[in-house]
Amino acid sequence: MSKLNNTENILVLGLVLFIITAIAGALLGFVDEMTYEPRMTQMEKAKNEALKMVLSEADGFDSIDVDSTSFPSIVEAYKATNDAGYAMKVTTKGYGGTIVLFVGLDKEGVVTGMHMLQHQETPGLGANANNPEFKDQFPGKGPEVIGLTKNAPSESEVQAITGATITSNAIVNGVNDALAYYEDILAGEEQ
């Protein structure tokens, strides 16, 4: 059995690593292709459930073209087919990264609901923003800007989650972006 010199040894190791990464890449691509359709179906189902959560009076939704130059945080908007109001998909920056939430507004621009769709917030702290104790503070607020407080909230404020002020601020900012989008863009279409 011959002994490999250093150059041959490096080439053999490089070839082995190339084969392993090529096989792993092919397997990942295969799994991605196999799971693409079910993942898209599940994402669509989650979106539709979120739309119904934030605007329960709606019997269906029509997509609205969004001009993201004025409101970059509004990534999708929907109008209820029965004229019950609007639902907007909003992105905002939280403690752990981007938060995606849906905000529902009735046809007067009053919040009907808020639901976090995706987030990377800290479990037990920022992730509590989807708990009823926090998100149930939003319905009935607006069309004026909503404030955030650590104390007992007034009619135009919500109480921050203890230990998760950045997440609370992010959510309130996202809801306020939806209110501003309604006021500046959608309210004019109502008349």
N, C-alpha and C. Protein backbone atom coordinates (compact mmCIF):
# COMPACT_ATOMS: atom_id res chain seq x y z
N MET A 1 0.84 -1.16 0.00
CA MET A 1 0.00 0.00 0.00
C MET A 1 0.89 1.23 0.00
N SER A 2 0.62 2.07 -0.97
CA SER A 2 1.47 3.25 -1.08
C SER A 2 0.97 4.37 -0.18
N LYS A 3 1.88 5.12 0.27
CA LYS A 3 1.56 6.26 1.12
C LYS A 3 1.36 7.49 0.24
N LEU A 4 0.32 8.29 0.51
CA LEU A 4 0.05 9.49 -0.28
C LEU A 4 0.92 10.63 0.24
N ASN A 5 1.40 11.45 -0.70
CA ASN A 5 2.11 12.63 -0.23
C ASN A 5 1.10 13.71 0.14
N ASN A 6 1.55 14.81 0.66
CA ASN A 6 0.65 15.87 1.15
C ASN A 6 -0.26 16.41 0.06
N THR A 7 0.22 16.64 -1.12
CA THR A 7 -0.59 17.17 -2.22
C THR A 7 -1.68 16.18 -2.60
N GLU A 8 -1.33 14.92 -2.72
CA GLU A 8 -2.33 13.90 -3.06
C GLU A 8 -3.36 13.75 -1.94
N ASN A 9 -2.88 13.83 -0.70
CA ASN A 9 -3.78 13.74 0.45
C ASN A 9 -4.80 14.88 0.43
N ILE A 10 -4.37 16.09 0.14
CA ILE A 10 -5.28 17.25 0.08
C ILE A 10 -6.28 17.06 -1.06
N LEU A 11 -5.83 16.57 -2.20
CA LEU A 11 -6.73 16.35 -3.33
C LEU A 11 -7.78 15.29 -3.02
N VAL A 12 -7.37 14.22 -2.35
CA VAL A 12 -8.32 13.16 -1.99
C VAL A 12 -9.34 13.69 -0.99
N LEU A 13 -8.87 14.44 0.01
CA LEU A 13 -9.81 15.01 0.99
C LEU A 13 -10.76 16.00 0.34
N GLY A 14 -10.23 16.83 -0.56
CA GLY A 14 -11.08 17.77 -1.29
C GLY A 14 -12.13 17.06 -2.12
N LEU A 15 -11.75 15.97 -2.78
CA LEU A 15 -12.70 15.20 -3.59
C LEU A 15 -13.78 14.57 -2.71
N VAL A 16 -13.38 14.04 -1.56
CA VAL A 16 -14.36 13.44 -0.64
C VAL A 16 -15.33 14.51 -0.13
N LEU A 17 -14.81 15.68 0.23
CA LEU A 17 -15.69 16.76 0.69
C LEU A 17 -16.62 17.22 -0.42
N PHE A 18 -16.11 17.30 -1.65
CA PHE A 18 -16.96 17.70 -2.78
C PHE A 18 -18.09 16.70 -2.98
N ILE A 19 -17.80 15.42 -2.91
CA ILE A 19 -18.82 14.38 -3.10
C ILE A 19 -19.88 14.47 -2.00
N ILE A 20 -19.42 14.66 -0.76
CA ILE A 20 -20.37 14.75 0.36
C ILE A 20 -21.27 15.97 0.20
N THR A 21 -20.68 17.14 -0.12
CA THR A 21 -21.52 18.34 -0.25
C THR A 21 -22.43 18.26 -1.47
N ALA A 22 -21.99 17.63 -2.55
CA ALA A 22 -22.85 17.48 -3.73
C ALA A 22 -24.05 16.59 -3.41
N ILE A 23 -23.80 15.50 -2.69
CA ILE A 23 -24.90 14.61 -2.31
C ILE A 23 -25.85 15.32 -1.35
N ALA A 24 -25.29 16.03 -0.37
CA ALA A 24 -26.14 16.76 0.59
C ALA A 24 -26.95 17.84 -0.12
N GLY A 25 -26.32 18.57 -1.04
CA GLY A 25 -27.05 19.60 -1.79
C GLY A 25 -28.16 19.02 -2.63
N ALA A 26 -27.88 17.89 -3.28
CA ALA A 26 -28.91 17.24 -4.09
C ALA A 26 -30.07 16.76 -3.23
N LEU A 27 -29.75 16.20 -2.06
CA LEU A 27 -30.82 15.75 -1.15
C LEU A 27 -31.65 16.92 -0.65
N LEU A 28 -30.99 18.03 -0.28
CA LEU A 28 -31.74 19.20 0.18
C LEU A 28 -32.64 19.75 -0.93
N GLY A 29 -32.13 19.79 -2.14
CA GLY A 29 -32.93 20.24 -3.27
C GLY A 29 -34.12 19.33 -3.52
N PHE A 30 -33.90 18.03 -3.39
CA PHE A 30 -34.98 17.06 -3.58
C PHE A 30 -36.06 17.24 -2.51
N VAL A 31 -35.63 17.38 -1.25
CA VAL A 31 -36.60 17.56 -0.16
C VAL A 31 -37.34 18.89 -0.32
N ASP A 32 -36.63 19.94 -0.73
CA ASP A 32 -37.28 21.23 -0.95
C ASP A 32 -38.33 21.12 -2.04
N GLU A 33 -38.00 20.46 -3.12
CA GLU A 33 -38.95 20.28 -4.22
C GLU A 33 -40.15 19.46 -3.78
N MET A 34 -39.91 18.40 -3.02
CA MET A 34 -40.99 17.52 -2.56
C MET A 34 -41.93 18.23 -1.59
N THR A 35 -41.41 19.14 -0.77
CA THR A 35 -42.23 19.78 0.26
C THR A 35 -42.74 21.15 -0.16
N TYR A 36 -42.36 21.63 -1.35
CA TYR A 36 -42.74 22.99 -1.76
C TYR A 36 -44.26 23.17 -1.77
N GLU A 37 -44.96 22.30 -2.45
CA GLU A 37 -46.41 22.44 -2.58
C GLU A 37 -47.12 22.37 -1.21
N PRO A 38 -46.81 21.37 -0.36
CA PRO A 38 -47.46 21.37 0.96
C PRO A 38 -47.13 22.61 1.79
N ARG A 39 -45.88 23.11 1.69
CA ARG A 39 -45.53 24.32 2.46
C ARG A 39 -46.33 25.51 1.96
N MET A 40 -46.46 25.67 0.65
CA MET A 40 -47.22 26.79 0.10
C MET A 40 -48.69 26.68 0.49
N THR A 41 -49.23 25.47 0.46
CA THR A 41 -50.63 25.27 0.87
C THR A 41 -50.81 25.65 2.33
N GLN A 42 -49.87 25.23 3.17
CA GLN A 42 -49.96 25.54 4.60
C GLN A 42 -49.83 27.04 4.85
N MET A 43 -48.94 27.71 4.12
CA MET A 43 -48.78 29.16 4.28
C MET A 43 -50.05 29.89 3.85
N GLU A 44 -50.67 29.46 2.76
CA GLU A 44 -51.91 30.08 2.30
C GLU A 44 -53.02 29.87 3.32
N LYS A 45 -53.07 28.67 3.89
CA LYS A 45 -54.07 28.37 4.92
C LYS A 45 -53.86 29.25 6.14
N ALA A 46 -52.61 29.40 6.58
CA ALA A 46 -52.32 30.25 7.74
C ALA A 46 -52.68 31.70 7.46
N LYS A 47 -52.41 32.16 6.23
CA LYS A 47 -52.75 33.54 5.87
C LYS A 47 -54.26 33.74 5.90
N ASN A 48 -55.01 32.82 5.32
CA ASN A 48 -56.47 32.94 5.30
C ASN A 48 -57.06 32.90 6.71
N GLU A 49 -56.49 32.05 7.57
CA GLU A 49 -56.95 32.01 8.96
C GLU A 49 -56.66 33.33 9.67
N ALA A 50 -55.48 33.91 9.41
CA ALA A 50 -55.12 35.19 10.02
C ALA A 50 -56.04 36.30 9.53
N LEU A 51 -56.38 36.28 8.24
CA LEU A 51 -57.30 37.29 7.70
C LEU A 51 -58.65 37.21 8.41
N LYS A 52 -59.15 36.00 8.60
CA LYS A 52 -60.45 35.84 9.28
C LYS A 52 -60.36 36.23 10.76
N MET A 53 -59.17 36.01 11.37
CA MET A 53 -59.01 36.39 12.78
C MET A 53 -59.07 37.89 12.97
N VAL A 54 -58.47 38.63 12.04
CA VAL A 54 -58.39 40.08 12.25
C VAL A 54 -59.60 40.83 11.72
N LEU A 55 -60.39 40.19 10.84
CA LEU A 55 -61.60 40.83 10.32
C LEU A 55 -62.66 39.75 10.18
N SER A 56 -63.22 39.36 11.31
CA SER A 56 -64.15 38.22 11.33
C SER A 56 -65.45 38.51 10.61
N GLU A 57 -65.79 39.77 10.40
CA GLU A 57 -67.03 40.13 9.71
C GLU A 57 -66.95 39.88 8.21
N ALA A 58 -65.75 39.71 7.68
CA ALA A 58 -65.57 39.55 6.24
C ALA A 58 -66.02 38.16 5.79
N ASP A 59 -66.62 38.10 4.61
CA ASP A 59 -67.00 36.79 4.06
C ASP A 59 -66.02 36.34 2.98
N GLY A 60 -65.06 37.17 2.64
CA GLY A 60 -64.03 36.85 1.67
C GLY A 60 -63.15 38.08 1.48
N PHE A 61 -62.06 37.92 0.76
CA PHE A 61 -61.13 39.04 0.59
C PHE A 61 -60.69 39.15 -0.86
N ASP A 62 -60.58 40.39 -1.33
CA ASP A 62 -59.97 40.69 -2.62
C ASP A 62 -58.65 41.39 -2.37
N SER A 63 -57.61 40.97 -3.08
CA SER A 63 -56.30 41.59 -2.93
C SER A 63 -56.30 43.00 -3.53
N ILE A 64 -55.58 43.90 -2.88
CA ILE A 64 -55.43 45.28 -3.35
C ILE A 64 -53.96 45.48 -3.71
N ASP A 65 -53.69 46.14 -4.83
CA ASP A 65 -52.31 46.47 -5.18
C ASP A 65 -51.76 47.46 -4.17
N VAL A 66 -50.56 47.18 -3.66
CA VAL A 66 -49.95 48.04 -2.64
C VAL A 66 -48.77 48.78 -3.25
N ASP A 67 -48.76 50.09 -3.09
CA ASP A 67 -47.61 50.91 -3.48
C ASP A 67 -46.69 50.99 -2.28
N SER A 68 -45.60 50.24 -2.30
CA SER A 68 -44.73 50.14 -1.13
C SER A 68 -43.76 51.31 -0.99
N THR A 69 -43.80 52.28 -1.91
CA THR A 69 -42.87 53.41 -1.77
C THR A 69 -43.26 54.31 -0.60
N SER A 70 -44.53 54.54 -0.41
CA SER A 70 -44.98 55.39 0.69
C SER A 70 -45.05 54.64 2.01
N PHE A 71 -45.42 53.38 1.96
CA PHE A 71 -45.58 52.57 3.16
C PHE A 71 -44.85 51.24 2.96
N PRO A 72 -43.52 51.24 3.16
CA PRO A 72 -42.77 50.00 2.93
C PRO A 72 -43.13 48.86 3.88
N SER A 73 -43.74 49.19 5.00
CA SER A 73 -44.10 48.14 5.96
C SER A 73 -45.37 47.39 5.56
N ILE A 74 -46.18 47.98 4.68
CA ILE A 74 -47.41 47.31 4.24
C ILE A 74 -47.04 46.46 3.02
N VAL A 75 -47.07 45.15 3.19
CA VAL A 75 -46.64 44.27 2.10
C VAL A 75 -47.81 43.65 1.33
N GLU A 76 -48.95 43.55 1.96
CA GLU A 76 -50.16 43.06 1.27
C GLU A 76 -51.36 43.76 1.89
N ALA A 77 -52.39 43.98 1.08
CA ALA A 77 -53.64 44.56 1.59
C ALA A 77 -54.81 43.86 0.93
N TYR A 78 -55.87 43.70 1.69
CA TYR A 78 -57.06 43.01 1.20
C TYR A 78 -58.30 43.79 1.61
N LYS A 79 -59.29 43.81 0.71
CA LYS A 79 -60.57 44.42 1.02
C LYS A 79 -61.60 43.32 1.16
N ALA A 80 -62.40 43.40 2.20
CA ALA A 80 -63.44 42.40 2.41
C ALA A 80 -64.44 42.47 1.27
N THR A 81 -64.84 41.33 0.75
CA THR A 81 -65.77 41.31 -0.38
C THR A 81 -67.16 41.81 0.01
N ASN A 82 -67.48 41.78 1.30
CA ASN A 82 -68.78 42.28 1.75
C ASN A 82 -68.68 43.68 2.33
N ASP A 83 -67.57 44.39 2.03
CA ASP A 83 -67.36 45.77 2.45
C ASP A 83 -67.24 45.91 3.97
N ALA A 84 -66.82 44.85 4.65
CA ALA A 84 -66.68 44.90 6.11
C ALA A 84 -65.43 45.68 6.53
N GLY A 85 -64.47 45.86 5.63
CA GLY A 85 -63.25 46.58 5.98
C GLY A 85 -62.05 46.05 5.24
N TYR A 86 -60.90 46.19 5.88
CA TYR A 86 -59.64 45.84 5.23
C TYR A 86 -58.78 45.01 6.17
N ALA A 87 -57.88 44.25 5.59
CA ALA A 87 -56.86 43.53 6.35
C ALA A 87 -55.53 43.79 5.67
N MET A 88 -54.52 44.10 6.46
CA MET A 88 -53.21 44.40 5.91
C MET A 88 -52.14 43.54 6.54
N LYS A 89 -51.26 43.04 5.69
CA LYS A 89 -50.09 42.30 6.15
C LYS A 89 -48.97 43.32 6.32
N VAL A 90 -48.43 43.39 7.53
CA VAL A 90 -47.46 44.43 7.88
C VAL A 90 -46.18 43.75 8.37
N THR A 91 -45.03 44.31 7.98
CA THR A 91 -43.77 43.83 8.55
C THR A 91 -43.22 44.94 9.44
N THR A 92 -42.66 44.54 10.56
CA THR A 92 -42.09 45.50 11.50
C THR A 92 -40.88 44.84 12.16
N LYS A 93 -40.00 45.67 12.70
CA LYS A 93 -38.75 45.16 13.26
C LYS A 93 -38.92 44.96 14.77
N GLY A 94 -38.82 43.71 15.20
CA GLY A 94 -38.93 43.39 16.62
C GLY A 94 -37.57 43.16 17.25
N TYR A 95 -37.55 42.59 18.42
CA TYR A 95 -36.30 42.31 19.13
C TYR A 95 -35.50 41.22 18.43
N GLY A 96 -36.16 40.18 17.96
CA GLY A 96 -35.47 39.05 17.35
C GLY A 96 -35.38 39.12 15.84
N GLY A 97 -35.93 40.13 15.23
CA GLY A 97 -35.92 40.23 13.77
C GLY A 97 -37.26 40.74 13.27
N THR A 98 -37.56 40.39 12.05
CA THR A 98 -38.78 40.87 11.42
C THR A 98 -40.00 40.16 11.99
N ILE A 99 -41.02 40.94 12.27
CA ILE A 99 -42.31 40.43 12.70
C ILE A 99 -43.29 40.66 11.56
N VAL A 100 -44.03 39.63 11.20
CA VAL A 100 -45.08 39.76 10.18
C VAL A 100 -46.41 39.63 10.90
N LEU A 101 -47.27 40.62 10.72
CA LEU A 101 -48.57 40.56 11.38
C LEU A 101 -49.66 41.02 10.44
N PHE A 102 -50.87 40.59 10.73
CA PHE A 102 -52.04 41.06 10.02
C PHE A 102 -52.81 42.00 10.93
N VAL A 103 -53.28 43.08 10.35
CA VAL A 103 -54.08 44.07 11.08
C VAL A 103 -55.40 44.20 10.33
N GLY A 104 -56.48 44.08 11.04
CA GLY A 104 -57.80 44.26 10.45
C GLY A 104 -58.36 45.60 10.84
N LEU A 105 -58.99 46.28 9.88
CA LEU A 105 -59.62 47.57 10.13
C LEU A 105 -61.03 47.53 9.56
N ASP A 106 -62.00 48.10 10.29
CA ASP A 106 -63.34 48.17 9.72
C ASP A 106 -63.39 49.31 8.71
N LYS A 107 -64.54 49.53 8.11
CA LYS A 107 -64.60 50.53 7.04
C LYS A 107 -64.50 51.97 7.56
N GLU A 108 -64.48 52.17 8.88
CA GLU A 108 -64.22 53.49 9.46
C GLU A 108 -62.77 53.64 9.90
N GLY A 109 -61.96 52.62 9.67
CA GLY A 109 -60.55 52.69 10.04
C GLY A 109 -60.29 52.37 11.50
N VAL A 110 -61.17 51.66 12.13
CA VAL A 110 -61.00 51.23 13.53
C VAL A 110 -60.47 49.80 13.52
N VAL A 111 -59.51 49.52 14.38
CA VAL A 111 -58.88 48.21 14.44
C VAL A 111 -59.91 47.15 14.86
N THR A 112 -59.97 46.07 14.08
CA THR A 112 -60.85 44.95 14.43
C THR A 112 -60.06 43.76 14.97
N GLY A 113 -58.74 43.75 14.71
CA GLY A 113 -57.92 42.66 15.22
C GLY A 113 -56.48 42.78 14.78
N MET A 114 -55.59 42.10 15.52
CA MET A 114 -54.18 42.02 15.19
C MET A 114 -53.73 40.60 15.48
N HIS A 115 -52.93 40.03 14.58
CA HIS A 115 -52.42 38.68 14.78
C HIS A 115 -51.02 38.58 14.20
N MET A 116 -50.07 38.10 15.03
CA MET A 116 -48.70 37.88 14.53
C MET A 116 -48.69 36.59 13.73
N LEU A 117 -48.22 36.69 12.49
CA LEU A 117 -48.15 35.53 11.62
C LEU A 117 -46.80 34.84 11.73
N GLN A 118 -45.72 35.64 11.76
CA GLN A 118 -44.36 35.10 11.88
C GLN A 118 -43.56 36.02 12.79
N HIS A 119 -42.69 35.42 13.58
CA HIS A 119 -41.81 36.22 14.44
C HIS A 119 -40.68 35.34 14.93
N GLN A 120 -39.66 35.99 15.46
CA GLN A 120 -38.54 35.30 16.09
C GLN A 120 -38.29 35.90 17.47
N GLU A 121 -39.36 36.32 18.11
CA GLU A 121 -39.25 36.96 19.41
C GLU A 121 -38.96 35.93 20.49
N THR A 122 -38.45 36.40 21.61
CA THR A 122 -38.05 35.54 22.71
C THR A 122 -39.25 34.79 23.29
N PRO A 123 -39.18 33.45 23.34
CA PRO A 123 -40.29 32.70 23.96
C PRO A 123 -40.49 33.14 25.42
N GLY A 124 -41.72 33.30 25.79
CA GLY A 124 -42.04 33.71 27.16
C GLY A 124 -42.00 35.21 27.37
N LEU A 125 -41.48 35.96 26.40
CA LEU A 125 -41.46 37.43 26.50
C LEU A 125 -42.16 38.01 25.27
N GLY A 126 -41.39 38.35 24.24
CA GLY A 126 -41.98 38.95 23.04
C GLY A 126 -42.97 38.05 22.33
N ALA A 127 -42.76 36.75 22.41
CA ALA A 127 -43.69 35.82 21.77
C ALA A 127 -45.07 35.90 22.39
N ASN A 128 -45.18 36.49 23.59
CA ASN A 128 -46.48 36.66 24.23
C ASN A 128 -47.36 37.70 23.54
N ALA A 129 -46.83 38.38 22.52
CA ALA A 129 -47.63 39.38 21.81
C ALA A 129 -48.82 38.76 21.10
N ASN A 130 -48.78 37.46 20.87
CA ASN A 130 -49.93 36.80 20.23
C ASN A 130 -50.93 36.26 21.26
N ASN A 131 -50.64 36.46 22.54
CA ASN A 131 -51.58 36.03 23.57
C ASN A 131 -52.74 37.01 23.66
N PRO A 132 -53.91 36.54 24.01
CA PRO A 132 -55.08 37.42 24.09
C PRO A 132 -54.88 38.62 25.02
N GLU A 133 -54.09 38.45 26.09
CA GLU A 133 -53.90 39.56 27.03
C GLU A 133 -53.31 40.78 26.33
N PHE A 134 -52.49 40.58 25.33
CA PHE A 134 -51.91 41.71 24.60
C PHE A 134 -52.72 42.06 23.36
N LYS A 135 -52.95 41.08 22.50
CA LYS A 135 -53.56 41.42 21.20
C LYS A 135 -55.03 41.82 21.31
N ASP A 136 -55.70 41.43 22.38
CA ASP A 136 -57.10 41.83 22.53
C ASP A 136 -57.25 43.28 22.98
N GLN A 137 -56.12 43.97 23.21
CA GLN A 137 -56.18 45.39 23.54
C GLN A 137 -56.41 46.26 22.29
N PHE A 138 -56.15 45.71 21.09
CA PHE A 138 -56.19 46.51 19.87
C PHE A 138 -57.59 46.74 19.29
N PRO A 139 -58.48 45.76 19.27
CA PRO A 139 -59.80 46.01 18.66
C PRO A 139 -60.51 47.19 19.32
N GLY A 140 -61.06 48.05 18.48
CA GLY A 140 -61.76 49.23 18.95
C GLY A 140 -60.90 50.47 18.99
N LYS A 141 -59.57 50.31 18.84
CA LYS A 141 -58.66 51.47 18.84
C LYS A 141 -58.58 52.03 17.42
N GLY A 142 -58.22 53.31 17.33
CA GLY A 142 -58.07 53.97 16.05
C GLY A 142 -59.34 54.73 15.72
N PRO A 143 -59.42 55.47 14.66
CA PRO A 143 -58.40 55.58 13.63
C PRO A 143 -57.20 56.45 14.02
N GLU A 144 -57.25 57.08 15.21
CA GLU A 144 -56.11 57.87 15.65
C GLU A 144 -54.94 56.94 15.99
N VAL A 145 -53.76 57.52 16.07
CA VAL A 145 -52.54 56.76 16.39
C VAL A 145 -52.68 56.13 17.77
N ILE A 146 -52.23 54.90 17.88
CA ILE A 146 -52.28 54.16 19.14
C ILE A 146 -50.96 54.36 19.88
N GLY A 147 -51.05 54.64 21.17
CA GLY A 147 -49.85 54.81 21.99
C GLY A 147 -49.54 53.54 22.77
N LEU A 148 -48.35 53.51 23.35
CA LEU A 148 -47.92 52.37 24.17
C LEU A 148 -47.54 52.88 25.55
N THR A 149 -47.96 52.19 26.57
CA THR A 149 -47.64 52.58 27.93
C THR A 149 -47.28 51.35 28.75
N LYS A 150 -46.48 51.58 29.79
CA LYS A 150 -46.17 50.49 30.71
C LYS A 150 -47.15 50.47 31.88
N ASN A 151 -47.95 51.54 31.99
CA ASN A 151 -48.91 51.67 33.08
C ASN A 151 -50.31 51.33 32.58
N ALA A 152 -51.31 51.65 33.36
CA ALA A 152 -52.69 51.42 32.94
C ALA A 152 -52.97 52.25 31.68
N PRO A 153 -53.44 51.62 30.61
CA PRO A 153 -53.61 52.35 29.35
C PRO A 153 -54.88 53.20 29.32
N SER A 154 -54.79 54.31 28.56
CA SER A 154 -55.98 55.12 28.29
C SER A 154 -56.71 54.48 27.11
N GLU A 155 -57.78 55.12 26.62
CA GLU A 155 -58.55 54.55 25.52
C GLU A 155 -57.76 54.45 24.23
N SER A 156 -56.75 55.33 24.07
CA SER A 156 -55.97 55.32 22.82
C SER A 156 -54.61 54.63 22.98
N GLU A 157 -54.42 53.88 24.07
CA GLU A 157 -53.14 53.23 24.32
C GLU A 157 -53.34 51.73 24.56
N VAL A 158 -52.23 51.00 24.40
CA VAL A 158 -52.19 49.60 24.82
C VAL A 158 -51.05 49.46 25.82
N GLN A 159 -51.19 48.50 26.71
CA GLN A 159 -50.17 48.27 27.74
C GLN A 159 -49.11 47.32 27.20
N ALA A 160 -47.85 47.73 27.36
CA ALA A 160 -46.73 46.93 26.86
C ALA A 160 -46.65 45.61 27.60
N ILE A 161 -46.07 44.63 26.93
CA ILE A 161 -45.82 43.33 27.54
C ILE A 161 -44.64 43.50 28.50
N THR A 162 -44.77 43.03 29.71
CA THR A 162 -43.69 43.14 30.69
C THR A 162 -42.44 42.42 30.19
N GLY A 163 -41.33 43.16 30.14
CA GLY A 163 -40.06 42.58 29.69
C GLY A 163 -39.91 42.49 28.19
N ALA A 164 -40.85 43.03 27.44
CA ALA A 164 -40.78 42.94 25.97
C ALA A 164 -41.21 44.27 25.36
N THR A 165 -40.56 45.34 25.79
CA THR A 165 -40.93 46.66 25.31
C THR A 165 -40.63 46.82 23.82
N ILE A 166 -39.52 46.25 23.34
CA ILE A 166 -39.17 46.39 21.92
C ILE A 166 -40.22 45.70 21.06
N THR A 167 -40.63 44.51 21.45
CA THR A 167 -41.67 43.80 20.70
C THR A 167 -42.98 44.57 20.74
N SER A 168 -43.34 45.06 21.93
CA SER A 168 -44.59 45.83 22.06
C SER A 168 -44.56 47.05 21.16
N ASN A 169 -43.43 47.77 21.16
CA ASN A 169 -43.28 48.95 20.29
C ASN A 169 -43.41 48.56 18.83
N ALA A 170 -42.77 47.46 18.46
CA ALA A 170 -42.81 47.01 17.06
C ALA A 170 -44.24 46.73 16.62
N ILE A 171 -44.99 46.06 17.46
CA ILE A 171 -46.38 45.73 17.12
C ILE A 171 -47.21 47.00 17.00
N VAL A 172 -47.08 47.89 17.98
CA VAL A 172 -47.85 49.14 17.94
C VAL A 172 -47.47 49.94 16.70
N ASN A 173 -46.17 49.99 16.38
CA ASN A 173 -45.75 50.71 15.16
C ASN A 173 -46.37 50.08 13.92
N GLY A 174 -46.41 48.76 13.86
CA GLY A 174 -47.01 48.08 12.72
C GLY A 174 -48.50 48.39 12.59
N VAL A 175 -49.20 48.36 13.70
CA VAL A 175 -50.63 48.67 13.67
C VAL A 175 -50.83 50.13 13.27
N ASN A 176 -49.98 51.02 13.79
CA ASN A 176 -50.09 52.44 13.40
C ASN A 176 -49.79 52.64 11.92
N ASP A 177 -48.87 51.85 11.36
CA ASP A 177 -48.61 51.93 9.92
C ASP A 177 -49.86 51.53 9.13
N ALA A 178 -50.55 50.50 9.60
CA ALA A 178 -51.79 50.08 8.93
C ALA A 178 -52.84 51.19 9.02
N LEU A 179 -52.95 51.82 10.19
CA LEU A 179 -53.90 52.93 10.35
C LEU A 179 -53.55 54.08 9.41
N ALA A 180 -52.26 54.41 9.30
CA ALA A 180 -51.83 55.50 8.41
C ALA A 180 -52.09 55.13 6.95
N TYR A 181 -51.87 53.88 6.59
CA TYR A 181 -52.12 53.44 5.21
C TYR A 181 -53.61 53.57 4.89
N TYR A 182 -54.43 53.17 5.84
CA TYR A 182 -55.87 53.31 5.64
C TYR A 182 -56.23 54.78 5.43
N GLU A 183 -55.74 55.63 6.33
CA GLU A 183 -56.09 57.06 6.29
C GLU A 183 -55.60 57.72 5.00
N ASP A 184 -54.37 57.42 4.59
CA ASP A 184 -53.78 58.09 3.43
C ASP A 184 -54.18 57.48 2.09
N ILE A 185 -54.42 56.20 2.06
CA ILE A 185 -54.67 55.52 0.77
C ILE A 185 -56.09 54.99 0.66
N LEU A 186 -56.52 54.19 1.61
CA LEU A 186 -57.78 53.47 1.46
C LEU A 186 -59.02 54.32 1.76
N ALA A 187 -58.91 55.23 2.71
CA ALA A 187 -60.08 56.03 3.08
C ALA A 187 -60.56 56.86 1.90
N GLY A 188 -59.65 57.33 1.06
CA GLY A 188 -60.02 58.10 -0.12
C GLY A 188 -60.81 57.28 -1.12
N GLU A 189 -60.55 55.97 -1.17
CA GLU A 189 -61.28 55.10 -2.09
C GLU A 189 -62.71 54.86 -1.62
N GLU A 190 -62.94 55.03 -0.32
CA GLU A 190 -64.27 54.79 0.24
C GLU A 190 -65.27 55.85 -0.20
N GLN A 191 -64.78 57.05 -0.54
CA GLN A 191 -65.70 58.16 -0.86
C GLN A 191 -66.10 58.18 -2.30
